[in-house]
Amino acid sequence: AGRTGVFLTLSIVLERIRYEGVVDIFQTVKLLRTQRPALVQTEDQYQFCYRSAPLPQKR
C-alpha cells in the first residue's frame, strides 16, 4: 500500500495544482489515510512525495 499511496498522493497533488494552484501533501496524505490507514508507510515515501511534487507556477 505504501507505493500505491505515493502514487495516489502525487496524482491528487498534481490535480490540485492544476485546478487550485495548491500543494498540500500533508493534508492529502491525511485524507487518504482516513480511507486506507497504511498509505504512505515510511518516512522515505513521505519525503519522496515532497521532493517529487512540483511547485505551482504563478500565472
PDB file of N, CA and C in Angstrom:
ATOM      1  N   ALA A   1       0.822  -1.200   0.000  1.00  0.00           N
ATOM      2  CA  ALA A   1       0.000   0.000   0.000  1.00  0.00           C
ATOM      3  C   ALA A   1       0.864   1.261   0.000  1.00  0.00           C
ATOM      4  N   GLY A   2       2.102   1.161   0.430  1.00  0.00           N
ATOM      5  CA  GLY A   2       2.948   2.345   0.530  1.00  0.00           C
ATOM      6  C   GLY A   2       3.251   2.989  -0.807  1.00  0.00           C
ATOM      7  N   ARG A   3       3.676   2.182  -1.771  1.00  0.00           N
ATOM      8  CA  ARG A   3       3.996   2.743  -3.093  1.00  0.00           C
ATOM      9  C   ARG A   3       2.736   3.241  -3.790  1.00  0.00           C
ATOM     10  N   THR A   4       1.642   2.530  -3.605  1.00  0.00           N
ATOM     11  CA  THR A   4       0.369   2.982  -4.162  1.00  0.00           C
ATOM     12  C   THR A   4      -0.037   4.308  -3.540  1.00  0.00           C
ATOM     13  N   GLY A   5       0.191   4.453  -2.254  1.00  0.00           N
ATOM     14  CA  GLY A   5      -0.123   5.699  -1.565  1.00  0.00           C
ATOM     15  C   GLY A   5       0.680   6.868  -2.105  1.00  0.00           C
ATOM     16  N   VAL A   6       1.943   6.624  -2.423  1.00  0.00           N
ATOM     17  CA  VAL A   6       2.790   7.672  -3.004  1.00  0.00           C
ATOM     18  C   VAL A   6       2.224   8.081  -4.362  1.00  0.00           C
ATOM     19  N   PHE A   7       1.867   7.105  -5.178  1.00  0.00           N
ATOM     20  CA  PHE A   7       1.294   7.397  -6.492  1.00  0.00           C
ATOM     21  C   PHE A   7       0.005   8.200  -6.358  1.00  0.00           C
ATOM     22  N   LEU A   8      -0.888   7.752  -5.484  1.00  0.00           N
ATOM     23  CA  LEU A   8      -2.160   8.458  -5.292  1.00  0.00           C
ATOM     24  C   LEU A   8      -1.941   9.873  -4.776  1.00  0.00           C
ATOM     25  N   THR A   9      -1.037  10.016  -3.817  1.00  0.00           N
ATOM     26  CA  THR A   9      -0.751  11.340  -3.257  1.00  0.00           C
ATOM     27  C   THR A   9      -0.282  12.291  -4.342  1.00  0.00           C
ATOM     28  N   LEU A  10       0.685  11.860  -5.135  1.00  0.00           N
ATOM     29  CA  LEU A  10       1.213  12.733  -6.186  1.00  0.00           C
ATOM     30  C   LEU A  10       0.173  13.014  -7.263  1.00  0.00           C
ATOM     31  N   SER A  11      -0.649  12.039  -7.579  1.00  0.00           N
ATOM     32  CA  SER A  11      -1.708  12.241  -8.562  1.00  0.00           C
ATOM     33  C   SER A  11      -2.697  13.301  -8.091  1.00  0.00           C
ATOM     34  N   ILE A  12      -3.114  13.212  -6.839  1.00  0.00           N
ATOM     35  CA  ILE A  12      -4.055  14.184  -6.279  1.00  0.00           C
ATOM     36  C   ILE A  12      -3.413  15.563  -6.201  1.00  0.00           C
ATOM     37  N   VAL A  13      -2.166  15.613  -5.748  1.00  0.00           N
ATOM     38  CA  VAL A  13      -1.470  16.902  -5.633  1.00  0.00           C
ATOM     39  C   VAL A  13      -1.339  17.563  -7.006  1.00  0.00           C
ATOM     40  N   LEU A  14      -1.010  16.793  -8.034  1.00  0.00           N
ATOM     41  CA  LEU A  14      -0.891  17.360  -9.384  1.00  0.00           C
ATOM     42  C   LEU A  14      -2.222  17.919  -9.874  1.00  0.00           C
ATOM     43  N   GLU A  15      -3.315  17.223  -9.591  1.00  0.00           N
ATOM     44  CA  GLU A  15      -4.637  17.732  -9.969  1.00  0.00           C
ATOM     45  C   GLU A  15      -4.966  19.016  -9.221  1.00  0.00           C
ATOM     46  N   ARG A  16      -4.644  19.054  -7.927  1.00  0.00           N
ATOM     47  CA  ARG A  16      -4.927  20.264  -7.146  1.00  0.00           C
ATOM     48  C   ARG A  16      -4.086  21.441  -7.633  1.00  0.00           C
ATOM     49  N   ILE A  17      -2.845  21.169  -8.033  1.00  0.00           N
ATOM     50  CA  ILE A  17      -2.012  22.239  -8.587  1.00  0.00           C
ATOM     51  C   ILE A  17      -2.659  22.765  -9.867  1.00  0.00           C
ATOM     52  N   ARG A  18      -3.102  21.850 -10.683  1.00  0.00           N
ATOM     53  CA  ARG A  18      -3.685  22.227 -11.976  1.00  0.00           C
ATOM     54  C   ARG A  18      -4.935  23.092 -11.811  1.00  0.00           C
ATOM     55  N   TYR A  19      -5.809  22.708 -10.889  1.00  0.00           N
ATOM     56  CA  TYR A  19      -7.096  23.390 -10.774  1.00  0.00           C
ATOM     57  C   TYR A  19      -7.156  24.447  -9.680  1.00  0.00           C
ATOM     58  N   GLU A  20      -6.339  24.289  -8.634  1.00  0.00           N
ATOM     59  CA  GLU A  20      -6.426  25.208  -7.500  1.00  0.00           C
ATOM     60  C   GLU A  20      -5.126  25.959  -7.224  1.00  0.00           C
ATOM     61  N   GLY A  21      -4.015  25.489  -7.806  1.00  0.00           N
ATOM     62  CA  GLY A  21      -2.723  26.098  -7.527  1.00  0.00           C
ATOM     63  C   GLY A  21      -2.218  25.801  -6.126  1.00  0.00           C
ATOM     64  N   VAL A  22      -2.648  24.672  -5.557  1.00  0.00           N
ATOM     65  CA  VAL A  22      -2.344  24.330  -4.164  1.00  0.00           C
ATOM     66  C   VAL A  22      -1.478  23.076  -4.104  1.00  0.00           C
ATOM     67  N   VAL A  23      -0.421  23.137  -3.272  1.00  0.00           N
ATOM     68  CA  VAL A  23       0.378  21.952  -2.962  1.00  0.00           C
ATOM     69  C   VAL A  23       0.244  21.718  -1.465  1.00  0.00           C
ATOM     70  N   ASP A  24      -0.466  20.675  -1.074  1.00  0.00           N
ATOM     71  CA  ASP A  24      -0.631  20.358   0.347  1.00  0.00           C
ATOM     72  C   ASP A  24      -0.529  18.852   0.535  1.00  0.00           C
ATOM     73  N   ILE A  25       0.696  18.375   0.584  1.00  0.00           N
ATOM     74  CA  ILE A  25       0.941  16.943   0.686  1.00  0.00           C
ATOM     75  C   ILE A  25       0.457  16.407   2.022  1.00  0.00           C
ATOM     76  N   PHE A  26       0.693  17.140   3.091  1.00  0.00           N
ATOM     77  CA  PHE A  26       0.270  16.680   4.418  1.00  0.00           C
ATOM     78  C   PHE A  26      -1.232  16.409   4.450  1.00  0.00           C
ATOM     79  N   GLN A  27      -2.035  17.362   4.004  1.00  0.00           N
ATOM     80  CA  GLN A  27      -3.491  17.189   4.037  1.00  0.00           C
ATOM     81  C   GLN A  27      -3.946  16.091   3.076  1.00  0.00           C
ATOM     82  N   THR A  28      -3.259  15.943   1.954  1.00  0.00           N
ATOM     83  CA  THR A  28      -3.607  14.892   1.000  1.00  0.00           C
ATOM     84  C   THR A  28      -3.377  13.519   1.613  1.00  0.00           C
ATOM     85  N   VAL A  29      -2.220  13.324   2.244  1.00  0.00           N
ATOM     86  CA  VAL A  29      -1.930  12.042   2.897  1.00  0.00           C
ATOM     87  C   VAL A  29      -2.904  11.807   4.045  1.00  0.00           C
ATOM     88  N   LYS A  30      -3.189  12.838   4.805  1.00  0.00           N
ATOM     89  CA  LYS A  30      -4.134  12.724   5.923  1.00  0.00           C
ATOM     90  C   LYS A  30      -5.509  12.271   5.422  1.00  0.00           C
ATOM     91  N   LEU A  31      -5.981  12.867   4.331  1.00  0.00           N
ATOM     92  CA  LEU A  31      -7.265  12.483   3.754  1.00  0.00           C
ATOM     93  C   LEU A  31      -7.240  11.036   3.267  1.00  0.00           C
ATOM     94  N   LEU A  32      -6.183  10.658   2.559  1.00  0.00           N
ATOM     95  CA  LEU A  32      -6.079   9.284   2.065  1.00  0.00           C
ATOM     96  C   LEU A  32      -6.053   8.280   3.209  1.00  0.00           C
ATOM     97  N   ARG A  33      -5.400   8.634   4.304  1.00  0.00           N
ATOM     98  CA  ARG A  33      -5.308   7.722   5.451  1.00  0.00           C
ATOM     99  C   ARG A  33      -6.640   7.549   6.177  1.00  0.00           C
ATOM    100  N   THR A  34      -7.599   8.439   5.965  1.00  0.00           N
ATOM    101  CA  THR A  34      -8.927   8.216   6.547  1.00  0.00           C
ATOM    102  C   THR A  34      -9.623   7.069   5.834  1.00  0.00           C
ATOM    103  N   GLN A  35      -9.217   6.808   4.592  1.00  0.00           N
ATOM    104  CA  GLN A  35      -9.820   5.742   3.805  1.00  0.00           C
ATOM    105  C   GLN A  35      -9.000   4.451   3.851  1.00  0.00           C
ATOM    106  N   ARG A  36      -7.673   4.600   3.889  1.00  0.00           N
ATOM    107  CA  ARG A  36      -6.761   3.446   3.998  1.00  0.00           C
ATOM    108  C   ARG A  36      -5.576   3.861   4.847  1.00  0.00           C
ATOM    109  N   PRO A  37      -5.555   3.440   6.100  1.00  0.00           N
ATOM    110  CA  PRO A  37      -4.534   3.911   7.047  1.00  0.00           C
ATOM    111  C   PRO A  37      -3.082   3.618   6.655  1.00  0.00           C
ATOM    112  N   ALA A  38      -2.823   2.612   5.850  1.00  0.00           N
ATOM    113  CA  ALA A  38      -1.440   2.224   5.558  1.00  0.00           C
ATOM    114  C   ALA A  38      -0.831   2.953   4.361  1.00  0.00           C
ATOM    115  N   LEU A  39      -1.546   3.896   3.775  1.00  0.00           N
ATOM    116  CA  LEU A  39      -0.988   4.600   2.617  1.00  0.00           C
ATOM    117  C   LEU A  39       0.155   5.503   3.048  1.00  0.00           C
ATOM    118  N   VAL A  40       1.205   5.549   2.230  1.00  0.00           N
ATOM    119  CA  VAL A  40       2.451   6.268   2.523  1.00  0.00           C
ATOM    120  C   VAL A  40       2.965   5.787   3.885  1.00  0.00           C
ATOM    121  N   GLN A  41       3.668   4.658   3.860  1.00  0.00           N
ATOM    122  CA  GLN A  41       4.032   3.947   5.082  1.00  0.00           C
ATOM    123  C   GLN A  41       5.317   4.416   5.743  1.00  0.00           C
ATOM    124  N   THR A  42       6.283   4.861   4.961  1.00  0.00           N
ATOM    125  CA  THR A  42       7.590   5.164   5.544  1.00  0.00           C
ATOM    126  C   THR A  42       7.934   6.643   5.380  1.00  0.00           C
ATOM    127  N   GLU A  43       8.890   7.079   6.174  1.00  0.00           N
ATOM    128  CA  GLU A  43       9.365   8.461   6.064  1.00  0.00           C
ATOM    129  C   GLU A  43       9.969   8.710   4.685  1.00  0.00           C
ATOM    130  N   ASP A  44      10.672   7.714   4.153  1.00  0.00           N
ATOM    131  CA  ASP A  44      11.263   7.860   2.816  1.00  0.00           C
ATOM    132  C   ASP A  44      10.188   8.098   1.755  1.00  0.00           C
ATOM    133  N   GLN A  45       9.079   7.383   1.850  1.00  0.00           N
ATOM    134  CA  GLN A  45       7.988   7.574   0.893  1.00  0.00           C
ATOM    135  C   GLN A  45       7.392   8.974   1.033  1.00  0.00           C
ATOM    136  N   TYR A  46       7.230   9.417   2.263  1.00  0.00           N
ATOM    137  CA  TYR A  46       6.681  10.747   2.531  1.00  0.00           C
ATOM    138  C   TYR A  46       7.613  11.827   1.967  1.00  0.00           C
ATOM    139  N   GLN A  47       8.915  11.660   2.195  1.00  0.00           N
ATOM    140  CA  GLN A  47       9.889  12.617   1.673  1.00  0.00           C
ATOM    141  C   GLN A  47       9.913  12.602   0.146  1.00  0.00           C
ATOM    142  N   PHE A  48       9.746  11.422  -0.439  1.00  0.00           N
ATOM    143  CA  PHE A  48       9.702  11.318  -1.895  1.00  0.00           C
ATOM    144  C   PHE A  48       8.547  12.148  -2.455  1.00  0.00           C
ATOM    145  N   CYS A  49       7.405  12.110  -1.779  1.00  0.00           N
ATOM    146  CA  CYS A  49       6.258  12.926  -2.207  1.00  0.00           C
ATOM    147  C   CYS A  49       6.635  14.403  -2.224  1.00  0.00           C
ATOM    148  N   TYR A  50       7.302  14.860  -1.172  1.00  0.00           N
ATOM    149  CA  TYR A  50       7.698  16.270  -1.103  1.00  0.00           C
ATOM    150  C   TYR A  50       8.725  16.630  -2.173  1.00  0.00           C
ATOM    151  N   ARG A  51       9.672  15.727  -2.425  1.00  0.00           N
ATOM    152  CA  ARG A  51      10.698  16.014  -3.430  1.00  0.00           C
ATOM    153  C   ARG A  51      10.134  15.964  -4.848  1.00  0.00           C
ATOM    154  N   SER A  52       9.116  15.161  -5.060  1.00  0.00           N
ATOM    155  CA  SER A  52       8.591  14.942  -6.411  1.00  0.00           C
ATOM    156  C   SER A  52       7.508  15.925  -6.826  1.00  0.00           C
ATOM    157  N   ALA A  53       6.811  16.497  -5.872  1.00  0.00           N
ATOM    158  CA  ALA A  53       5.713  17.411  -6.211  1.00  0.00           C
ATOM    159  C   ALA A  53       6.282  18.734  -6.704  1.00  0.00           C
ATOM    160  N   PRO A  54       5.851  19.169  -7.872  1.00  0.00           N
ATOM    161  CA  PRO A  54       6.335  20.462  -8.379  1.00  0.00           C
ATOM    162  C   PRO A  54       5.684  21.610  -7.626  1.00  0.00           C
ATOM    163  N   LEU A  55       6.371  22.719  -7.599  1.00  0.00           N
ATOM    164  CA  LEU A  55       5.772  23.918  -7.022  1.00  0.00           C
ATOM    165  C   LEU A  55       4.838  24.526  -8.058  1.00  0.00           C
ATOM    166  N   PRO A  56       3.693  25.038  -7.624  1.00  0.00           N
ATOM    167  CA  PRO A  56       2.773  25.635  -8.603  1.00  0.00           C
ATOM    168  C   PRO A  56       3.386  26.873  -9.253  1.00  0.00           C
ATOM    169  N   GLN A  57       3.081  27.064 -10.512  1.00  0.00           N
ATOM    170  CA  GLN A  57       3.577  28.216 -11.258  1.00  0.00           C
ATOM    171  C   GLN A  57       2.610  29.378 -11.099  1.00  0.00           C
ATOM    172  N   LYS A  58       3.149  30.565 -10.901  1.00  0.00           N
ATOM    173  CA  LYS A  58       2.291  31.750 -10.826  1.00  0.00           C
ATOM    174  C   LYS A  58       1.837  32.116 -12.230  1.00  0.00           C
ATOM    175  N   ARG A  59       0.581  32.495 -12.347  1.00  0.00           N
ATOM    176  CA  ARG A  59       0.019  32.835 -13.666  1.00  0.00           C
ATOM    177  C   ARG A  59       0.063  34.301 -13.906  1.00  0.00           C
TER     178      ARG A  59
END
